[in-house]
PDB file of N, CA and C in Angstrom:
ATOM      1  N   MET A   1    -110.380 -11.348 103.917  1.00  0.00           N
ATOM      2  CA  MET A   1    -109.435 -10.840 102.954  1.00  0.00           C
ATOM      3  C   MET A   1    -108.470 -11.977 102.597  1.00  0.00           C
ATOM      4  N   THR A   2    -108.268 -12.158 101.310  1.00  0.00           N
ATOM      5  CA  THR A   2    -107.386 -13.235 100.870  1.00  0.00           C
ATOM      6  C   THR A   2    -105.951 -12.740 100.793  1.00  0.00           C
ATOM      7  N   ILE A   3    -105.058 -13.677 100.615  1.00  0.00           N
ATOM      8  CA  ILE A   3    -103.629 -13.338 100.509  1.00  0.00           C
ATOM      9  C   ILE A   3    -103.387 -12.487  99.269  1.00  0.00           C
ATOM     10  N   LEU A   4    -104.074 -12.779  98.175  1.00  0.00           N
ATOM     11  CA  LEU A   4    -103.900 -11.995  96.946  1.00  0.00           C
ATOM     12  C   LEU A   4    -104.365 -10.556  97.120  1.00  0.00           C
ATOM     13  N   GLU A   5    -105.473 -10.353  97.833  1.00  0.00           N
ATOM     14  CA  GLU A   5    -105.948  -8.997  98.089  1.00  0.00           C
ATOM     15  C   GLU A   5    -104.958  -8.226  98.947  1.00  0.00           C
ATOM     16  N   THR A   6    -104.399  -8.887  99.952  1.00  0.00           N
ATOM     17  CA  THR A   6    -103.409  -8.256 100.820  1.00  0.00           C
ATOM     18  C   THR A   6    -102.165  -7.886 100.032  1.00  0.00           C
ATOM     19  N   ARG A   7    -101.697  -8.794  99.191  1.00  0.00           N
ATOM     20  CA  ARG A   7    -100.498  -8.533  98.382  1.00  0.00           C
ATOM     21  C   ARG A   7    -100.762  -7.370  97.423  1.00  0.00           C
ATOM     22  N   SER A   8    -101.953  -7.343  96.827  1.00  0.00           N
ATOM     23  CA  SER A   8    -102.294  -6.269  95.902  1.00  0.00           C
ATOM     24  C   SER A   8    -102.309  -4.915  96.609  1.00  0.00           C
ATOM     25  N   ARG A   9    -102.875  -4.856  97.807  1.00  0.00           N
ATOM     26  CA  ARG A   9    -102.889  -3.608  98.579  1.00  0.00           C
ATOM     27  C   ARG A   9    -101.482  -3.195  98.973  1.00  0.00           C
ATOM     28  N   THR A  10    -100.664  -4.158  99.340  1.00  0.00           N
ATOM     29  CA  THR A  10     -99.285  -3.862  99.720  1.00  0.00           C
ATOM     30  C   THR A  10     -98.511  -3.317  98.534  1.00  0.00           C
ATOM     31  N   GLU A  11     -98.681  -3.931  97.378  1.00  0.00           N
ATOM     32  CA  GLU A  11     -98.000  -3.451  96.170  1.00  0.00           C
ATOM     33  C   GLU A  11     -98.470  -2.053  95.791  1.00  0.00           C
ATOM     34  N   THR A  12     -99.761  -1.803  95.911  1.00  0.00           N
ATOM     35  CA  THR A  12    -100.302  -0.485  95.599  1.00  0.00           C
ATOM     36  C   THR A  12     -99.739   0.568  96.548  1.00  0.00           C
ATOM     37  N   ALA A  13     -99.686   0.256  97.821  1.00  0.00           N
ATOM     38  CA  ALA A  13     -99.143   1.197  98.803  1.00  0.00           C
ATOM     39  C   ALA A  13     -97.662   1.446  98.554  1.00  0.00           C
ATOM     40  N   THR A  14     -96.930   0.383  98.219  1.00  0.00           N
ATOM     41  CA  THR A  14     -95.501   0.526  97.945  1.00  0.00           C
ATOM     42  C   THR A  14     -95.264   1.416  96.737  1.00  0.00           C
ATOM     43  N   ARG A  15     -96.029   1.200  95.693  1.00  0.00           N
ATOM     44  CA  ARG A  15     -95.883   2.033  94.487  1.00  0.00           C
ATOM     45  C   ARG A  15     -96.228   3.502  94.776  1.00  0.00           C
ATOM     46  N   ALA A  16     -97.244   3.724  95.573  1.00  0.00           N
ATOM     47  CA  ALA A  16     -97.627   5.090  95.921  1.00  0.00           C
ATOM     48  C   ALA A  16     -96.519   5.779  96.719  1.00  0.00           C
ATOM     49  N   MET A  17     -95.949   5.067  97.678  1.00  0.00           N
ATOM     50  CA  MET A  17     -94.866   5.654  98.478  1.00  0.00           C
ATOM     51  C   MET A  17     -93.626   5.922  97.634  1.00  0.00           C
ATOM     52  N   LEU A  18     -93.300   5.012  96.711  1.00  0.00           N
ATOM     53  CA  LEU A  18     -92.166   5.241  95.823  1.00  0.00           C
ATOM     54  C   LEU A  18     -92.403   6.457  94.924  1.00  0.00           C
ATOM     55  N   GLY A  19     -93.624   6.589  94.437  1.00  0.00           N
ATOM     56  CA  GLY A  19     -93.969   7.757  93.617  1.00  0.00           C
ATOM     57  C   GLY A  19     -93.829   9.056  94.389  1.00  0.00           C
ATOM     58  N   CYS A  20     -94.298   9.062  95.622  1.00  0.00           N
ATOM     59  CA  CYS A  20     -94.160  10.247  96.471  1.00  0.00           C
ATOM     60  C   CYS A  20     -92.693  10.561  96.736  1.00  0.00           C
ATOM     61  N   GLY A  21     -91.903   9.530  96.934  1.00  0.00           N
ATOM     62  CA  GLY A  21     -90.472   9.728  97.161  1.00  0.00           C
ATOM     63  C   GLY A  21     -89.776  10.324  95.950  1.00  0.00           C
ATOM     64  N   LEU A  22     -90.198   9.913  94.765  1.00  0.00           N
ATOM     65  CA  LEU A  22     -89.614  10.454  93.540  1.00  0.00           C
ATOM     66  C   LEU A  22     -89.966  11.928  93.338  1.00  0.00           C
ATOM     67  N   VAL A  23     -91.128  12.318  93.779  1.00  0.00           N
ATOM     68  CA  VAL A  23     -91.587  13.695  93.598  1.00  0.00           C
ATOM     69  C   VAL A  23     -91.039  14.617  94.689  1.00  0.00           C
ATOM     70  N   ALA A  24     -90.806  14.096  95.875  1.00  0.00           N
ATOM     71  CA  ALA A  24     -90.444  14.924  97.037  1.00  0.00           C
ATOM     72  C   ALA A  24     -89.154  15.725  96.828  1.00  0.00           C
ATOM     73  N   GLY A  25     -88.119  15.088  96.335  1.00  0.00           N
ATOM     74  CA  GLY A  25     -86.836  15.782  96.166  1.00  0.00           C
ATOM     75  C   GLY A  25     -86.911  16.948  95.200  1.00  0.00           C
ATOM     76  N   PRO A  26     -87.339  16.697  93.944  1.00  0.00           N
ATOM     77  CA  PRO A  26     -87.440  17.811  92.990  1.00  0.00           C
ATOM     78  C   PRO A  26     -88.415  18.905  93.427  1.00  0.00           C
ATOM     79  N   LEU A  27     -89.507  18.526  94.068  1.00  0.00           N
ATOM     80  CA  LEU A  27     -90.460  19.525  94.546  1.00  0.00           C
ATOM     81  C   LEU A  27     -89.841  20.403  95.634  1.00  0.00           C
ATOM     82  N   PHE A  28     -89.083  19.784  96.542  1.00  0.00           N
ATOM     83  CA  PHE A  28     -88.402  20.535  97.595  1.00  0.00           C
ATOM     84  C   PHE A  28     -87.425  21.549  96.990  1.00  0.00           C
ATOM     85  N   VAL A  29     -86.611  21.070  96.054  1.00  0.00           N
ATOM     86  CA  VAL A  29     -85.604  21.943  95.438  1.00  0.00           C
ATOM     87  C   VAL A  29     -86.272  23.066  94.643  1.00  0.00           C
ATOM     88  N   ALA A  30     -87.300  22.731  93.871  1.00  0.00           N
ATOM     89  CA  ALA A  30     -87.980  23.752  93.062  1.00  0.00           C
ATOM     90  C   ALA A  30     -88.618  24.828  93.942  1.00  0.00           C
ATOM     91  N   THR A  31     -89.255  24.405  95.030  1.00  0.00           N
ATOM     92  CA  THR A  31     -89.881  25.371  95.941  1.00  0.00           C
ATOM     93  C   THR A  31     -88.828  26.270  96.586  1.00  0.00           C
ATOM     94  N   ALA A  32     -87.715  25.679  97.008  1.00  0.00           N
ATOM     95  CA  ALA A  32     -86.646  26.470  97.623  1.00  0.00           C
ATOM     96  C   ALA A  32     -86.041  27.452  96.623  1.00  0.00           C
ATOM     97  N   ILE A  33     -85.834  27.015  95.391  1.00  0.00           N
ATOM     98  CA  ILE A  33     -85.255  27.905  94.377  1.00  0.00           C
ATOM     99  C   ILE A  33     -86.198  29.070  94.082  1.00  0.00           C
ATOM    100  N   LEU A  34     -87.485  28.789  93.959  1.00  0.00           N
ATOM    101  CA  LEU A  34     -88.444  29.870  93.719  1.00  0.00           C
ATOM    102  C   LEU A  34     -88.429  30.883  94.856  1.00  0.00           C
ATOM    103  N   GLN A  35     -88.309  30.400  96.071  1.00  0.00           N
ATOM    104  CA  GLN A  35     -88.246  31.327  97.204  1.00  0.00           C
ATOM    105  C   GLN A  35     -86.951  32.134  97.191  1.00  0.00           C
ATOM    106  N   MET A  36     -85.842  31.483  96.858  1.00  0.00           N
ATOM    107  CA  MET A  36     -84.556  32.195  96.809  1.00  0.00           C
ATOM    108  C   MET A  36     -84.599  33.335  95.797  1.00  0.00           C
ATOM    109  N   LEU A  37     -85.247  33.082  94.674  1.00  0.00           N
ATOM    110  CA  LEU A  37     -85.311  34.095  93.621  1.00  0.00           C
ATOM    111  C   LEU A  37     -86.239  35.254  93.967  1.00  0.00           C
ATOM    112  N   THR A  38     -87.195  35.023  94.853  1.00  0.00           N
ATOM    113  CA  THR A  38     -88.171  36.071  95.169  1.00  0.00           C
ATOM    114  C   THR A  38     -87.897  36.787  96.485  1.00  0.00           C
ATOM    115  N   ARG A  39     -86.943  36.318  97.254  1.00  0.00           N
ATOM    116  CA  ARG A  39     -86.636  36.966  98.538  1.00  0.00           C
ATOM    117  C   ARG A  39     -85.517  37.979  98.360  1.00  0.00           C
ATOM    118  N   ASP A  40     -85.808  39.209  98.706  1.00  0.00           N
ATOM    119  CA  ASP A  40     -84.789  40.258  98.626  1.00  0.00           C
ATOM    120  C   ASP A  40     -83.689  39.995  99.640  1.00  0.00           C
ATOM    121  N   GLY A  41     -82.446  40.084  99.198  1.00  0.00           N
ATOM    122  CA  GLY A  41     -81.300  39.952 100.091  1.00  0.00           C
ATOM    123  C   GLY A  41     -80.876  38.526 100.388  1.00  0.00           C
ATOM    124  N   PHE A  42     -81.600  37.533  99.887  1.00  0.00           N
ATOM    125  CA  PHE A  42     -81.212  36.144 100.157  1.00  0.00           C
ATOM    126  C   PHE A  42     -80.110  35.757  99.188  1.00  0.00           C
ATOM    127  N   ASP A  43     -79.023  35.247  99.747  1.00  0.00           N
ATOM    128  CA  ASP A  43     -77.879  34.805  98.946  1.00  0.00           C
ATOM    129  C   ASP A  43     -77.493  33.407  99.406  1.00  0.00           C
ATOM    130  N   LEU A  44     -77.634  32.434  98.530  1.00  0.00           N
ATOM    131  CA  LEU A  44     -77.375  31.041  98.893  1.00  0.00           C
ATOM    132  C   LEU A  44     -75.916  30.823  99.300  1.00  0.00           C
ATOM    133  N   ARG A  45     -75.030  31.666  98.822  1.00  0.00           N
ATOM    134  CA  ARG A  45     -73.616  31.534  99.207  1.00  0.00           C
ATOM    135  C   ARG A  45     -73.390  31.889 100.673  1.00  0.00           C
ATOM    136  N   ARG A  46     -74.285  32.705 101.235  1.00  0.00           N
ATOM    137  CA  ARG A  46     -74.113  33.139 102.630  1.00  0.00           C
ATOM    138  C   ARG A  46     -75.178  32.621 103.572  1.00  0.00           C
ATOM    139  N   HIS A  47     -76.343  32.261 103.041  1.00  0.00           N
ATOM    140  CA  HIS A  47     -77.474  31.879 103.878  1.00  0.00           C
ATOM    141  C   HIS A  47     -77.872  30.420 103.639  1.00  0.00           C
ATOM    142  N   PRO A  48     -78.181  29.683 104.691  1.00  0.00           N
ATOM    143  CA  PRO A  48     -78.689  28.314 104.510  1.00  0.00           C
ATOM    144  C   PRO A  48     -80.155  28.348 104.056  1.00  0.00           C
ATOM    145  N   ILE A  49     -80.587  27.286 103.403  1.00  0.00           N
ATOM    146  CA  ILE A  49     -81.966  27.221 102.924  1.00  0.00           C
ATOM    147  C   ILE A  49     -82.955  27.336 104.088  1.00  0.00           C
ATOM    148  N   SER A  50     -82.577  26.841 105.247  1.00  0.00           N
ATOM    149  CA  SER A  50     -83.494  26.895 106.394  1.00  0.00           C
ATOM    150  C   SER A  50     -83.820  28.324 106.807  1.00  0.00           C
ATOM    151  N   LEU A  51     -83.015  29.283 106.405  1.00  0.00           N
ATOM    152  CA  LEU A  51     -83.289  30.684 106.726  1.00  0.00           C
ATOM    153  C   LEU A  51     -84.547  31.179 106.006  1.00  0.00           C
ATOM    154  N   LEU A  52     -84.952  30.475 104.965  1.00  0.00           N
ATOM    155  CA  LEU A  52     -86.182  30.846 104.263  1.00  0.00           C
ATOM    156  C   LEU A  52     -87.423  30.649 105.124  1.00  0.00           C
ATOM    157  N   SER A  53     -87.296  29.911 106.212  1.00  0.00           N
ATOM    158  CA  SER A  53     -88.447  29.671 107.087  1.00  0.00           C
ATOM    159  C   SER A  53     -88.689  30.825 108.061  1.00  0.00           C
ATOM    160  N   VAL A  54     -87.912  31.883 107.949  1.00  0.00           N
ATOM    161  CA  VAL A  54     -88.051  33.054 108.816  1.00  0.00           C
ATOM    162  C   VAL A  54     -88.727  34.166 108.019  1.00  0.00           C
ATOM    163  N   GLY A  55     -89.558  34.913 108.681  1.00  0.00           N
ATOM    164  CA  GLY A  55     -90.158  36.079 108.042  1.00  0.00           C
ATOM    165  C   GLY A  55     -91.608  35.869 107.666  1.00  0.00           C
ATOM    166  N   GLU A  56     -92.121  36.848 106.935  1.00  0.00           N
ATOM    167  CA  GLU A  56     -93.532  36.874 106.574  1.00  0.00           C
ATOM    168  C   GLU A  56     -93.964  35.649 105.755  1.00  0.00           C
ATOM    169  N   HIS A  57     -93.114  35.225 104.846  1.00  0.00           N
ATOM    170  CA  HIS A  57     -93.457  34.085 104.000  1.00  0.00           C
ATOM    171  C   HIS A  57     -92.739  32.803 104.433  1.00  0.00           C
ATOM    172  N   GLY A  58     -92.321  32.758 105.656  1.00  0.00           N
ATOM    173  CA  GLY A  58     -91.619  31.593 106.185  1.00  0.00           C
ATOM    174  C   GLY A  58     -92.473  30.345 106.216  1.00  0.00           C
ATOM    175  N   TRP A  59     -93.784  30.516 106.282  1.00  0.00           N
ATOM    176  CA  TRP A  59     -94.679  29.357 106.322  1.00  0.00           C
ATOM    177  C   TRP A  59     -94.536  28.493 105.069  1.00  0.00           C
ATOM    178  N   ILE A  60     -94.128  29.116 103.960  1.00  0.00           N
ATOM    179  CA  ILE A  60     -93.962  28.342 102.718  1.00  0.00           C
ATOM    180  C   ILE A  60     -92.836  27.325 102.880  1.00  0.00           C
ATOM    181  N   GLN A  61     -91.706  27.763 103.434  1.00  0.00           N
ATOM    182  CA  GLN A  61     -90.582  26.845 103.604  1.00  0.00           C
ATOM    183  C   GLN A  61     -90.865  25.825 104.701  1.00  0.00           C
ATOM    184  N   VAL A  62     -91.556  26.223 105.749  1.00  0.00           N
ATOM    185  CA  VAL A  62     -91.923  25.268 106.801  1.00  0.00           C
ATOM    186  C   VAL A  62     -92.807  24.172 106.199  1.00  0.00           C
ATOM    187  N   THR A  63     -93.778  24.564 105.392  1.00  0.00           N
ATOM    188  CA  THR A  63     -94.634  23.595 104.713  1.00  0.00           C
ATOM    189  C   THR A  63     -93.816  22.728 103.770  1.00  0.00           C
ATOM    190  N   ASN A  64     -92.860  23.319 103.097  1.00  0.00           N
ATOM    191  CA  ASN A  64     -91.978  22.580 102.183  1.00  0.00           C
ATOM    192  C   ASN A  64     -91.199  21.506 102.955  1.00  0.00           C
ATOM    193  N   PHE A  65     -90.679  21.859 104.113  1.00  0.00           N
ATOM    194  CA  PHE A  65     -89.969  20.880 104.950  1.00  0.00           C
ATOM    195  C   PHE A  65     -90.891  19.737 105.371  1.00  0.00           C
ATOM    196  N   ILE A  66     -92.097  20.074 105.798  1.00  0.00           N
ATOM    197  CA  ILE A  66     -93.033  19.055 106.278  1.00  0.00           C
ATOM    198  C   ILE A  66     -93.461  18.124 105.153  1.00  0.00           C
ATOM    199  N   VAL A  67     -93.835  18.690 104.008  1.00  0.00           N
ATOM    200  CA  VAL A  67     -94.296  17.870 102.891  1.00  0.00           C
ATOM    201  C   VAL A  67     -93.174  16.974 102.380  1.00  0.00           C
ATOM    202  N   ALA A  68     -91.982  17.515 102.229  1.00  0.00           N
ATOM    203  CA  ALA A  68     -90.853  16.708 101.747  1.00  0.00           C
ATOM    204  C   ALA A  68     -90.491  15.623 102.764  1.00  0.00           C
ATOM    205  N   GLY A  69     -90.626  15.929 104.039  1.00  0.00           N
ATOM    206  CA  GLY A  69     -90.302  14.948 105.075  1.00  0.00           C
ATOM    207  C   GLY A  69     -91.303  13.818 105.175  1.00  0.00           C
ATOM    208  N   CYS A  70     -92.551  14.133 104.901  1.00  0.00           N
ATOM    209  CA  CYS A  70     -93.591  13.091 104.962  1.00  0.00           C
ATOM    210  C   CYS A  70     -93.508  12.190 103.767  1.00  0.00           C
TER     211      CYS A  70
END
């Protein structure tokens, strides 16, 4: 492998990670907002977003945390 091939792979990986970082924040917020709107009794003024990880559909918020964190 030459230095140019290594640099090209590094640049490609860097661009991919930056792209994922740009998508992670808005995706996290959009997923949380959709859950807030569909959960009966959830009030953002009284409940933290992490409370969405409890209950029957809690797996959605747990997945949201994992995907946004990665």
